[in-house]
């Protein structure tokens, strides 16, 4: 019986109901994102204010106070500085920022490459003018060389300072058909070699003859070979006077291709040695193998030709002589 009573007892199940929170969505995430964005904007604003110069701050303030006035003046800001340092930029004496280039008291000179080269040309020309005066002084102070004043011509060309030693009928540089320098011309060339050591410019030595054909020139040795040999003999005398071999850039014989007296091709003036103290442009044209501008044929009345003071004699045009 006891066992049956236990079986008849009811089974009681207790259910505990917990109180729940109100239903909500993801609105808090949006609010948090807005907060982070606002903080980021705040820190950016603080950073910008800290890195902006006083001049730019004043310009911004002026813009908001009177935007039309600032825009009409063409200003992005009264300071217009690109530096965060107080005063800013290259002019550290300014306390309110760097002003615009166009508003500075003294406009800074800007040098382009072309302007720099032009300045170098002017300086080099002045140096060659000084060398020209030095040559004239040395030749006039030496009694022996002063007697040769009528045979020396100094002038400025597009290539530089040109020193020409021309023949006279009674005082040639070389014997007829010879490339051996006369003793009095040897002294002149050595003195020139000593003077030319004062400048670093490189040299061209040219030999010229008159238009009278060399005997037997068609078969071999001609005015071309003769003018080249005379130029090389002159080079040796310049080196003997103290000029460095490294200063020589060209030694060439031109025969009668560039006459000094075109009206009389056989004139003694056409038999000459030309020493050219080259400027930088002429050197570059040779070293870089650039084409040179054609130079006008020289005439008897050349512009800028200076006769070295000496005996006061002028170069005389002699009748055709056997010597070339």
C-alpha atoms as a PDB file:
ATOM      1  CA  UNK A   1       0.000   0.000   0.000  1.00  0.00           C
ATOM      2  CA  UNK A   2       2.805   2.387   0.839  1.00  0.00           C
ATOM      3  CA  UNK A   3       4.296   1.821  -2.538  1.00  0.00           C
ATOM      4  CA  UNK A   4       1.036   2.708  -4.238  1.00  0.00           C
ATOM      5  CA  UNK A   5       0.773   5.976  -2.248  1.00  0.00           C
ATOM      6  CA  UNK A   6       4.160   7.121  -3.502  1.00  0.00           C
ATOM      7  CA  UNK A   7       3.163   6.399  -7.010  1.00  0.00           C
ATOM      8  CA  UNK A   8       0.038   8.550  -6.705  1.00  0.00           C
ATOM      9  CA  UNK A   9       1.870  11.728  -5.459  1.00  0.00           C
ATOM     10  CA  UNK A  10       1.669  14.541  -8.031  1.00  0.00           C
ATOM     11  CA  UNK A  11       4.836  15.871  -9.772  1.00  0.00           C
ATOM     12  CA  UNK A  12       5.177  19.632  -9.353  1.00  0.00           C
ATOM     13  CA  UNK A  13       7.334  21.575 -11.895  1.00  0.00           C
ATOM     14  CA  UNK A  14       8.362  25.100 -10.888  1.00  0.00           C
ATOM     15  CA  UNK A  15       9.191  27.593 -13.694  1.00  0.00           C
ATOM     16  CA  UNK A  16      11.155  30.711 -12.735  1.00  0.00           C
ATOM     17  CA  UNK A  17      10.510  33.658 -15.022  1.00  0.00           C
ATOM     18  CA  UNK A  18      13.335  36.293 -15.127  1.00  0.00           C
ATOM     19  CA  UNK A  19      12.487  39.903 -15.769  1.00  0.00           C
ATOM     20  CA  UNK A  20      13.973  41.077 -19.128  1.00  0.00           C
ATOM     21  CA  UNK A  21      15.345  44.496 -20.236  1.00  0.00           C
ATOM     22  CA  UNK A  22      13.604  46.684 -22.672  1.00  0.00           C
ATOM     23  CA  UNK A  23      14.176  45.898 -26.305  1.00  0.00           C
ATOM     24  CA  UNK A  24      16.798  48.196 -27.996  1.00  0.00           C
ATOM     25  CA  UNK A  25      18.781  48.344 -31.297  1.00  0.00           C
ATOM     26  CA  UNK A  26      22.279  49.599 -32.411  1.00  0.00           C
ATOM     27  CA  UNK A  27      21.702  53.333 -31.843  1.00  0.00           C
ATOM     28  CA  UNK A  28      24.545  53.493 -29.338  1.00  0.00           C
ATOM     29  CA  UNK A  29      27.043  52.514 -32.027  1.00  0.00           C
ATOM     30  CA  UNK A  30      26.057  55.511 -34.141  1.00  0.00           C
ATOM     31  CA  UNK A  31      26.391  57.809 -31.168  1.00  0.00           C
ATOM     32  CA  UNK A  32      29.846  56.409 -30.379  1.00  0.00           C
ATOM     33  CA  UNK A  33      30.970  56.845 -33.984  1.00  0.00           C
ATOM     34  CA  UNK A  34      29.811  60.469 -33.926  1.00  0.00           C
ATOM     35  CA  UNK A  35      31.750  61.029 -30.740  1.00  0.00           C
ATOM     36  CA  UNK A  36      34.961  59.549 -32.190  1.00  0.00           C
ATOM     37  CA  UNK A  37      34.560  61.624 -35.337  1.00  0.00           C
ATOM     38  CA  UNK A  38      34.064  64.776 -33.322  1.00  0.00           C
ATOM     39  CA  UNK A  39      37.169  64.031 -31.252  1.00  0.00           C
ATOM     40  CA  UNK A  40      39.202  63.404 -34.391  1.00  0.00           C
ATOM     41  CA  UNK A  41      38.004  66.672 -35.891  1.00  0.00           C
ATOM     42  CA  UNK A  42      38.877  68.448 -32.642  1.00  0.00           C
ATOM     43  CA  UNK A  43      42.415  67.100 -32.577  1.00  0.00           C
ATOM     44  CA  UNK A  44      42.883  67.969 -36.260  1.00  0.00           C
ATOM     45  CA  UNK A  45      41.699  71.505 -35.545  1.00  0.00           C
ATOM     46  CA  UNK A  46      44.105  71.813 -32.636  1.00  0.00           C
ATOM     47  CA  UNK A  47      46.966  70.518 -34.778  1.00  0.00           C
ATOM     48  CA  UNK A  48      46.174  72.959 -37.572  1.00  0.00           C
ATOM     49  CA  UNK A  49      45.976  75.882 -35.167  1.00  0.00           C
ATOM     50  CA  UNK A  50      49.298  74.892 -33.658  1.00  0.00           C
ATOM     51  CA  UNK A  51      51.041  74.618 -37.051  1.00  0.00           C
ATOM     52  CA  UNK A  52      49.593  77.810 -38.584  1.00  0.00           C
ATOM     53  CA  UNK A  53      51.644  80.990 -38.387  1.00  0.00           C
ATOM     54  CA  UNK A  54      50.292  84.183 -36.919  1.00  0.00           C
ATOM     55  CA  UNK A  55      50.192  85.775 -40.338  1.00  0.00           C
ATOM     56  CA  UNK A  56      47.952  83.068 -41.741  1.00  0.00           C
ATOM     57  CA  UNK A  57      45.695  83.233 -38.699  1.00  0.00           C
ATOM     58  CA  UNK A  58      45.282  86.935 -39.223  1.00  0.00           C
ATOM     59  CA  UNK A  59      44.571  86.341 -42.904  1.00  0.00           C
ATOM     60  CA  UNK A  60      41.878  83.783 -42.059  1.00  0.00           C
ATOM     61  CA  UNK A  61      40.339  86.140 -39.530  1.00  0.00           C
ATOM     62  CA  UNK A  62      40.368  88.974 -42.068  1.00  0.00           C
ATOM     63  CA  UNK A  63      38.700  86.751 -44.605  1.00  0.00           C
ATOM     64  CA  UNK A  64      35.784  85.911 -42.332  1.00  0.00           C
ATOM     65  CA  UNK A  65      35.459  89.529 -41.218  1.00  0.00           C
ATOM     66  CA  UNK A  66      35.553  91.036 -44.728  1.00  0.00           C
ATOM     67  CA  UNK A  67      35.811  88.288 -47.374  1.00  0.00           C
ATOM     68  CA  UNK A  68      35.085  90.609 -50.299  1.00  0.00           C
ATOM     69  CA  UNK A  69      37.950  92.938 -49.434  1.00  0.00           C
ATOM     70  CA  UNK A  70      40.469  90.112 -49.093  1.00  0.00           C
ATOM     71  CA  UNK A  71      39.375  88.456 -52.328  1.00  0.00           C
ATOM     72  CA  UNK A  72      39.630  91.739 -54.242  1.00  0.00           C
ATOM     73  CA  UNK A  73      43.166  92.227 -52.966  1.00  0.00           C
ATOM     74  CA  UNK A  74      44.014  88.785 -54.322  1.00  0.00           C
ATOM     75  CA  UNK A  75      45.118  87.420 -50.991  1.00  0.00           C
ATOM     76  CA  UNK A  76      44.943  83.886 -49.784  1.00  0.00           C
ATOM     77  CA  UNK A  77      46.055  85.330 -46.465  1.00  0.00           C
ATOM     78  CA  UNK A  78      48.006  88.367 -45.404  1.00  0.00           C
ATOM     79  CA  UNK A  79      50.930  86.294 -44.266  1.00  0.00           C
ATOM     80  CA  UNK A  80      51.009  83.694 -47.043  1.00  0.00           C
ATOM     81  CA  UNK A  81      53.823  81.823 -45.322  1.00  0.00           C
ATOM     82  CA  UNK A  82      54.870  78.243 -45.899  1.00  0.00           C
ATOM     83  CA  UNK A  83      56.848  77.894 -42.688  1.00  0.00           C
ATOM     84  CA  UNK A  84      55.614  76.776 -39.271  1.00  0.00           C
ATOM     85  CA  UNK A  85      58.434  78.637 -37.515  1.00  0.00           C
ATOM     86  CA  UNK A  86      57.554  82.022 -36.048  1.00  0.00           C
ATOM     87  CA  UNK A  87      58.636  84.538 -38.624  1.00  0.00           C
ATOM     88  CA  UNK A  88      59.045  81.666 -41.041  1.00  0.00           C
ATOM     89  CA  UNK A  89      60.792  81.223 -44.354  1.00  0.00           C
ATOM     90  CA  UNK A  90      64.127  82.787 -45.290  1.00  0.00           C
ATOM     91  CA  UNK A  91      63.499  86.104 -43.532  1.00  0.00           C
ATOM     92  CA  UNK A  92      63.679  85.293 -39.820  1.00  0.00           C
ATOM     93  CA  UNK A  93      63.330  88.956 -38.846  1.00  0.00           C
ATOM     94  CA  UNK A  94      59.588  88.864 -39.547  1.00  0.00           C
ATOM     95  CA  UNK A  95      57.399  87.999 -36.576  1.00  0.00           C
ATOM     96  CA  UNK A  96      54.069  87.741 -38.382  1.00  0.00           C
ATOM     97  CA  UNK A  97      54.942  85.335 -41.127  1.00  0.00           C
ATOM     98  CA  UNK A  98      56.623  85.583 -44.471  1.00  0.00           C
ATOM     99  CA  UNK A  99      55.187  88.003 -47.004  1.00  0.00           C
ATOM    100  CA  UNK A 100      54.698  87.236 -50.661  1.00  0.00           C
ATOM    101  CA  UNK A 101      57.660  87.472 -53.025  1.00  0.00           C
ATOM    102  CA  UNK A 102      56.046  90.315 -54.932  1.00  0.00           C
ATOM    103  CA  UNK A 103      55.512  92.326 -51.731  1.00  0.00           C
ATOM    104  CA  UNK A 104      59.051  92.081 -50.415  1.00  0.00           C
ATOM    105  CA  UNK A 105      61.036  95.298 -50.088  1.00  0.00           C
ATOM    106  CA  UNK A 106      63.987  94.068 -52.156  1.00  0.00           C
ATOM    107  CA  UNK A 107      63.262  91.643 -54.926  1.00  0.00           C
ATOM    108  CA  UNK A 108      65.785  88.842 -54.902  1.00  0.00           C
ATOM    109  CA  UNK A 109      67.671  88.371 -58.151  1.00  0.00           C
ATOM    110  CA  UNK A 110      67.058  85.052 -59.848  1.00  0.00           C
ATOM    111  CA  UNK A 111      69.806  83.762 -62.113  1.00  0.00           C
ATOM    112  CA  UNK A 112      68.987  81.440 -64.929  1.00  0.00           C
ATOM    113  CA  UNK A 113      71.570  79.279 -66.644  1.00  0.00           C
ATOM    114  CA  UNK A 114      71.605  81.611 -69.635  1.00  0.00           C
ATOM    115  CA  UNK A 115      72.219  84.654 -67.431  1.00  0.00           C
ATOM    116  CA  UNK A 116      75.031  82.830 -65.626  1.00  0.00           C
ATOM    117  CA  UNK A 117      76.737  81.994 -68.907  1.00  0.00           C
ATOM    118  CA  UNK A 118      76.390  85.595 -70.015  1.00  0.00           C
ATOM    119  CA  UNK A 119      78.094  86.749 -66.830  1.00  0.00           C
ATOM    120  CA  UNK A 120      80.911  84.277 -67.457  1.00  0.00           C
ATOM    121  CA  UNK A 121      81.329  85.588 -71.009  1.00  0.00           C
ATOM    122  CA  UNK A 122      81.583  89.165 -69.768  1.00  0.00           C
ATOM    123  CA  UNK A 123      84.170  88.231 -67.150  1.00  0.00           C
ATOM    124  CA  UNK A 124      86.214  86.284 -69.685  1.00  0.00           C
ATOM    125  CA  UNK A 125      86.081  89.132 -72.205  1.00  0.00           C
ATOM    126  CA  UNK A 126      87.322  91.549 -69.549  1.00  0.00           C
ATOM    127  CA  UNK A 127      90.190  89.174 -68.742  1.00  0.00           C
ATOM    128  CA  UNK A 128      91.171  88.964 -72.429  1.00  0.00           C
ATOM    129  CA  UNK A 129      91.036  92.757 -72.713  1.00  0.00           C
ATOM    130  CA  UNK A 130      93.489  92.960 -69.827  1.00  0.00           C
ATOM    131  CA  UNK A 131      95.715  90.429 -71.573  1.00  0.00           C
ATOM    132  CA  UNK A 132      95.591  92.537 -74.744  1.00  0.00           C
ATOM    133  CA  UNK A 133      96.715  95.607 -72.811  1.00  0.00           C
ATOM    134  CA  UNK A 134      99.475  93.560 -71.168  1.00  0.00           C
ATOM    135  CA  UNK A 135     100.801  92.362 -74.538  1.00  0.00           C
ATOM    136  CA  UNK A 136     100.827  95.919 -75.862  1.00  0.00           C
ATOM    137  CA  UNK A 137     102.694  97.101 -72.761  1.00  0.00           C
ATOM    138  CA  UNK A 138     105.335  94.367 -72.927  1.00  0.00           C
ATOM    139  CA  UNK A 139     105.986  94.896 -76.621  1.00  0.00           C
ATOM    140  CA  UNK A 140     106.219  98.674 -76.309  1.00  0.00           C
ATOM    141  CA  UNK A 141     108.673  98.494 -73.381  1.00  0.00           C
ATOM    142  CA  UNK A 142     111.108  96.209 -75.223  1.00  0.00           C
ATOM    143  CA  UNK A 143     113.159  98.282 -77.730  1.00  0.00           C
ATOM    144  CA  UNK A 144     113.850  95.287 -79.959  1.00  0.00           C
ATOM    145  CA  UNK A 145     110.212  94.215 -80.070  1.00  0.00           C
ATOM    146  CA  UNK A 146     108.962  97.792 -80.414  1.00  0.00           C
ATOM    147  CA  UNK A 147     110.618  97.896 -83.828  1.00  0.00           C
ATOM    148  CA  UNK A 148     108.241  95.120 -84.881  1.00  0.00           C
ATOM    149  CA  UNK A 149     105.161  97.066 -83.778  1.00  0.00           C
ATOM    150  CA  UNK A 150     103.993  97.622 -87.339  1.00  0.00           C
ATOM    151  CA  UNK A 151     103.853  93.861 -87.924  1.00  0.00           C
ATOM    152  CA  UNK A 152     101.718  92.988 -84.883  1.00  0.00           C
ATOM    153  CA  UNK A 153      97.930  93.257 -84.839  1.00  0.00           C
ATOM    154  CA  UNK A 154      95.714  92.655 -81.826  1.00  0.00           C
ATOM    155  CA  UNK A 155      91.954  92.375 -82.101  1.00  0.00           C
ATOM    156  CA  UNK A 156      88.993  90.674 -80.416  1.00  0.00           C
ATOM    157  CA  UNK A 157      87.070  88.090 -82.447  1.00  0.00           C
ATOM    158  CA  UNK A 158      84.199  85.731 -81.681  1.00  0.00           C
ATOM    159  CA  UNK A 159      86.817  83.104 -80.750  1.00  0.00           C
ATOM    160  CA  UNK A 160      88.772  85.332 -78.367  1.00  0.00           C
ATOM    161  CA  UNK A 161      91.891  87.500 -78.502  1.00  0.00           C
ATOM    162  CA  UNK A 162      93.720  87.199 -81.818  1.00  0.00           C
ATOM    163  CA  UNK A 163      97.390  88.132 -82.106  1.00  0.00           C
ATOM    164  CA  UNK A 164      98.590  88.339 -85.718  1.00  0.00           C
ATOM    165  CA  UNK A 165     102.218  88.679 -86.807  1.00  0.00           C
ATOM    166  CA  UNK A 166     102.365  89.723 -90.457  1.00  0.00           C
ATOM    167  CA  UNK A 167     105.257  89.831 -92.872  1.00  0.00           C
ATOM    168  CA  UNK A 168     106.991  92.889 -94.246  1.00  0.00           C
ATOM    169  CA  UNK A 169     108.990  92.801 -97.393  1.00  0.00           C
ATOM    170  CA  UNK A 170     112.226  93.776 -95.650  1.00  0.00           C
ATOM    171  CA  UNK A 171     111.501  91.876 -92.439  1.00  0.00           C
ATOM    172  CA  UNK A 172     109.789  88.519 -93.098  1.00  0.00           C
ATOM    173  CA  UNK A 173     109.081  85.958 -90.413  1.00  0.00           C
ATOM    174  CA  UNK A 174     110.452  83.136 -92.558  1.00  0.00           C
ATOM    175  CA  UNK A 175     112.658  82.817 -95.588  1.00  0.00           C
ATOM    176  CA  UNK A 176     110.926  82.052 -98.865  1.00  0.00           C
ATOM    177  CA  UNK A 177     109.681  78.464 -98.833  1.00  0.00           C
ATOM    178  CA  UNK A 178     111.136  77.875 -95.339  1.00  0.00           C
ATOM    179  CA  UNK A 179     109.534  77.097 -91.985  1.00  0.00           C
ATOM    180  CA  UNK A 180     112.539  78.215 -89.905  1.00  0.00           C
ATOM    181  CA  UNK A 181     111.699  81.218 -87.715  1.00  0.00           C
ATOM    182  CA  UNK A 182     113.916  84.277 -88.114  1.00  0.00           C
ATOM    183  CA  UNK A 183     115.947  85.196 -84.969  1.00  0.00           C
ATOM    184  CA  UNK A 184     114.127  88.484 -84.314  1.00  0.00           C
ATOM    185  CA  UNK A 185     110.771  86.727 -84.647  1.00  0.00           C
ATOM    186  CA  UNK A 186     111.964  83.943 -82.357  1.00  0.00           C
ATOM    187  CA  UNK A 187     112.475  86.516 -79.586  1.00  0.00           C
ATOM    188  CA  UNK A 188     109.011  87.959 -80.209  1.00  0.00           C
ATOM    189  CA  UNK A 189     107.275  84.565 -80.068  1.00  0.00           C
ATOM    190  CA  UNK A 190     109.069  83.558 -76.872  1.00  0.00           C
ATOM    191  CA  UNK A 191     108.116  86.845 -75.221  1.00  0.00           C
ATOM    192  CA  UNK A 192     104.502  86.237 -76.229  1.00  0.00           C
ATOM    193  CA  UNK A 193     104.698  82.710 -74.807  1.00  0.00           C
ATOM    194  CA  UNK A 194     105.813  84.157 -71.484  1.00  0.00           C
ATOM    195  CA  UNK A 195     102.973  86.713 -71.383  1.00  0.00           C
ATOM    196  CA  UNK A 196     100.304  84.164 -72.361  1.00  0.00           C
ATOM    197  CA  UNK A 197     101.066  82.111 -69.254  1.00  0.00           C
ATOM    198  CA  UNK A 198      99.071  84.669 -67.250  1.00  0.00           C
ATOM    199  CA  UNK A 199      95.718  83.326 -68.487  1.00  0.00           C
ATOM    200  CA  UNK A 200      94.408  79.726 -68.439  1.00  0.00           C
ATOM    201  CA  UNK A 201      92.755  79.877 -71.870  1.00  0.00           C
ATOM    202  CA  UNK A 202      93.802  77.410 -74.534  1.00  0.00           C
ATOM    203  CA  UNK A 203      95.337  78.491 -77.843  1.00  0.00           C
ATOM    204  CA  UNK A 204      95.019  78.016 -81.570  1.00  0.00           C
ATOM    205  CA  UNK A 205      98.039  78.693 -83.782  1.00  0.00           C
ATOM    206  CA  UNK A 206      97.353  79.236 -87.498  1.00  0.00           C
ATOM    207  CA  UNK A 207      99.769  79.575 -90.371  1.00  0.00           C
ATOM    208  CA  UNK A 208      98.837  81.589 -93.480  1.00  0.00           C
ATOM    209  CA  UNK A 209     100.526  82.152 -96.828  1.00  0.00           C
ATOM    210  CA  UNK A 210      99.785  84.350 -99.802  1.00  0.00           C
ATOM    211  CA  UNK A 211      98.082  83.038-102.925  1.00  0.00           C
ATOM    212  CA  UNK A 212     101.267  82.612-104.974  1.00  0.00           C
ATOM    213  CA  UNK A 213     101.538  78.886-105.796  1.00  0.00           C
ATOM    214  CA  UNK A 214     104.402  76.998-104.235  1.00  0.00           C
ATOM    215  CA  UNK A 215     106.906  75.684-106.717  1.00  0.00           C
ATOM    216  CA  UNK A 216     106.066  72.046-107.399  1.00  0.00           C
ATOM    217  CA  UNK A 217     103.046  72.195-105.132  1.00  0.00           C
ATOM    218  CA  UNK A 218     100.924  70.070-107.435  1.00  0.00           C
ATOM    219  CA  UNK A 219     103.239  67.119-106.909  1.00  0.00           C
ATOM    220  CA  UNK A 220     103.504  67.187-103.136  1.00  0.00           C
ATOM    221  CA  UNK A 221     104.689  69.952-100.838  1.00  0.00           C
ATOM    222  CA  UNK A 222     102.449  73.001-101.224  1.00  0.00           C
ATOM    223  CA  UNK A 223     101.329  76.120 -99.385  1.00  0.00           C
ATOM    224  CA  UNK A 224      99.172  73.908 -97.174  1.00  0.00           C
ATOM    225  CA  UNK A 225     102.146  71.964 -95.843  1.00  0.00           C
ATOM    226  CA  UNK A 226     104.247  75.138 -95.648  1.00  0.00           C
ATOM    227  CA  UNK A 227     101.639  77.041 -93.602  1.00  0.00           C
ATOM    228  CA  UNK A 228     101.196  74.053 -91.266  1.00  0.00           C
ATOM    229  CA  UNK A 229     104.966  73.715 -90.745  1.00  0.00           C
ATOM    230  CA  UNK A 230     105.278  77.436 -90.002  1.00  0.00           C
ATOM    231  CA  UNK A 231     102.450  77.247 -87.477  1.00  0.00           C
ATOM    232  CA  UNK A 232     104.154  74.313 -85.758  1.00  0.00           C
ATOM    233  CA  UNK A 233     107.490  76.149 -85.688  1.00  0.00           C
ATOM    234  CA  UNK A 234     105.755  79.095 -84.029  1.00  0.00           C
ATOM    235  CA  UNK A 235     104.198  76.724 -81.497  1.00  0.00           C
ATOM    236  CA  UNK A 236     107.632  75.408 -80.526  1.00  0.00           C
ATOM    237  CA  UNK A 237     108.896  78.952 -79.910  1.00  0.00           C
ATOM    238  CA  UNK A 238     105.880  79.765 -77.719  1.00  0.00           C
ATOM    239  CA  UNK A 239     106.567  76.642 -75.658  1.00  0.00           C
ATOM    240  CA  UNK A 240     110.236  77.626 -75.403  1.00  0.00           C
ATOM    241  CA  UNK A 241     109.052  80.928 -73.931  1.00  0.00           C
ATOM    242  CA  UNK A 242     107.350  79.116 -71.039  1.00  0.00           C
ATOM    243  CA  UNK A 243     103.919  78.226 -72.414  1.00  0.00           C
ATOM    244  CA  UNK A 244     102.645  74.780 -71.456  1.00  0.00           C
ATOM    245  CA  UNK A 245     102.143  72.186 -74.196  1.00  0.00           C
ATOM    246  CA  UNK A 246      98.756  71.350 -72.662  1.00  0.00           C
ATOM    247  CA  UNK A 247      97.518  74.850 -73.510  1.00  0.00           C
ATOM    248  CA  UNK A 248      97.715  74.126 -77.242  1.00  0.00           C
ATOM    249  CA  UNK A 249      94.366  73.051 -78.652  1.00  0.00           C
ATOM    250  CA  UNK A 250      94.890  73.429 -82.405  1.00  0.00           C
ATOM    251  CA  UNK A 251      97.835  73.971 -84.732  1.00  0.00           C
ATOM    252  CA  UNK A 252      96.706  74.290 -88.320  1.00  0.00           C
ATOM    253  CA  UNK A 253      97.853  75.505 -91.700  1.00  0.00           C
ATOM    254  CA  UNK A 254      95.313  77.430 -93.764  1.00  0.00           C
ATOM    255  CA  UNK A 255      97.480  78.359 -96.760  1.00  0.00           C
ATOM    256  CA  UNK A 256      95.712  81.217 -98.627  1.00  0.00           C
ATOM    257  CA  UNK A 257      92.161  80.231 -97.624  1.00  0.00           C
ATOM    258  CA  UNK A 258      91.735  83.246 -95.287  1.00  0.00           C
ATOM    259  CA  UNK A 259      93.393  86.271 -96.842  1.00  0.00           C
ATOM    260  CA  UNK A 260      93.985  89.371 -94.764  1.00  0.00           C
ATOM    261  CA  UNK A 261      94.276  91.522 -97.881  1.00  0.00           C
ATOM    262  CA  UNK A 262      91.716  90.072-100.254  1.00  0.00           C
ATOM    263  CA  UNK A 263      92.315  92.816-102.842  1.00  0.00           C
ATOM    264  CA  UNK A 264      95.916  91.728-103.287  1.00  0.00           C
ATOM    265  CA  UNK A 265      96.168  87.938-102.754  1.00  0.00           C
ATOM    266  CA  UNK A 266      99.965  88.064-103.104  1.00  0.00           C
ATOM    267  CA  UNK A 267     100.413  90.834-100.524  1.00  0.00           C
ATOM    268  CA  UNK A 268     102.934  90.344 -97.733  1.00  0.00           C
ATOM    269  CA  UNK A 269     100.132  90.974 -95.229  1.00  0.00           C
ATOM    270  CA  UNK A 270      98.654  87.598 -96.144  1.00  0.00           C
ATOM    271  CA  UNK A 271     101.803  85.831 -94.952  1.00  0.00           C
ATOM    272  CA  UNK A 272     101.238  85.722 -91.236  1.00  0.00           C
ATOM    273  CA  UNK A 273     100.957  83.692 -88.040  1.00  0.00           C
ATOM    274  CA  UNK A 274      97.758  83.989 -85.988  1.00  0.00           C
ATOM    275  CA  UNK A 275      97.739  83.153 -82.280  1.00  0.00           C
ATOM    276  CA  UNK A 276      94.189  82.993 -80.893  1.00  0.00           C
ATOM    277  CA  UNK A 277      93.642  82.985 -77.133  1.00  0.00           C
ATOM    278  CA  UNK A 278      90.342  81.107 -77.190  1.00  0.00           C
ATOM    279  CA  UNK A 279      87.328  81.886 -75.056  1.00  0.00           C
ATOM    280  CA  UNK A 280      85.196  79.179 -73.432  1.00  0.00           C
ATOM    281  CA  UNK A 281      82.640  79.040 -76.242  1.00  0.00           C
ATOM    282  CA  UNK A 282      85.356  78.491 -78.856  1.00  0.00           C
ATOM    283  CA  UNK A 283      86.997  75.788 -76.734  1.00  0.00           C
ATOM    284  CA  UNK A 284      83.696  73.970 -76.257  1.00  0.00           C
ATOM    285  CA  UNK A 285      82.972  74.153 -79.977  1.00  0.00           C
ATOM    286  CA  UNK A 286      86.264  72.364 -80.702  1.00  0.00           C
ATOM    287  CA  UNK A 287      86.178  69.879 -77.831  1.00  0.00           C
ATOM    288  CA  UNK A 288      82.544  68.909 -78.419  1.00  0.00           C
ATOM    289  CA  UNK A 289      83.012  68.914 -82.184  1.00  0.00           C
ATOM    290  CA  UNK A 290      80.213  71.416 -82.624  1.00  0.00           C
ATOM    291  CA  UNK A 291      79.816  73.351 -85.881  1.00  0.00           C
ATOM    292  CA  UNK A 292      81.229  76.838 -85.638  1.00  0.00           C
ATOM    293  CA  UNK A 293      79.607  79.930 -87.082  1.00  0.00           C
ATOM    294  CA  UNK A 294      81.200  81.068 -90.337  1.00  0.00           C
ATOM    295  CA  UNK A 295      83.471  84.038 -89.805  1.00  0.00           C
ATOM    296  CA  UNK A 296      83.430  86.799 -92.406  1.00  0.00           C
ATOM    297  CA  UNK A 297      86.554  87.078 -94.541  1.00  0.00           C
ATOM    298  CA  UNK A 298      88.967  89.545 -93.056  1.00  0.00           C
ATOM    299  CA  UNK A 299      89.466  92.775 -94.993  1.00  0.00           C
ATOM    300  CA  UNK A 300      92.332  95.293 -94.829  1.00  0.00           C
ATOM    301  CA  UNK A 301      90.237  97.644 -92.679  1.00  0.00           C
ATOM    302  CA  UNK A 302      89.247  95.354 -89.793  1.00  0.00           C
ATOM    303  CA  UNK A 303      87.138  96.736 -86.987  1.00  0.00           C
ATOM    304  CA  UNK A 304      88.725  96.814 -83.557  1.00  0.00           C
ATOM    305  CA  UNK A 305      92.281  96.217 -84.876  1.00  0.00           C
ATOM    306  CA  UNK A 306      94.946  97.727 -82.658  1.00  0.00           C
ATOM    307  CA  UNK A 307      98.445  98.520 -83.851  1.00  0.00           C
ATOM    308  CA  UNK A 308     101.058  98.020 -81.167  1.00  0.00           C
ATOM    309  CA  UNK A 309     102.846 101.282 -80.351  1.00  0.00           C
ATOM    310  CA  UNK A 310     106.444 101.206 -81.442  1.00  0.00           C
ATOM    311  CA  UNK A 311     108.051 103.109 -84.202  1.00  0.00           C
ATOM    312  CA  UNK A 312     104.667 104.429 -85.311  1.00  0.00           C
ATOM    313  CA  UNK A 313     104.869 102.611 -88.629  1.00  0.00           C
ATOM    314  CA  UNK A 314     101.733 101.251 -90.214  1.00  0.00           C
ATOM    315  CA  UNK A 315     101.695  97.900 -91.992  1.00  0.00           C
ATOM    316  CA  UNK A 316     102.708  98.486 -95.580  1.00  0.00           C
ATOM    317  CA  UNK A 317     101.369  96.592 -98.538  1.00  0.00           C
ATOM    318  CA  UNK A 318     104.370  95.352-100.466  1.00  0.00           C
ATOM    319  CA  UNK A 319     104.492  94.225-104.022  1.00  0.00           C
ATOM    320  CA  UNK A 320     104.433  90.471-104.559  1.00  0.00           C
ATOM    321  CA  UNK A 321     107.639  88.945-103.278  1.00  0.00           C
ATOM    322  CA  UNK A 322     109.097  85.517-103.817  1.00  0.00           C
ATOM    323  CA  UNK A 323     108.695  84.683-100.126  1.00  0.00           C
ATOM    324  CA  UNK A 324     105.397  83.182 -99.078  1.00  0.00           C
END
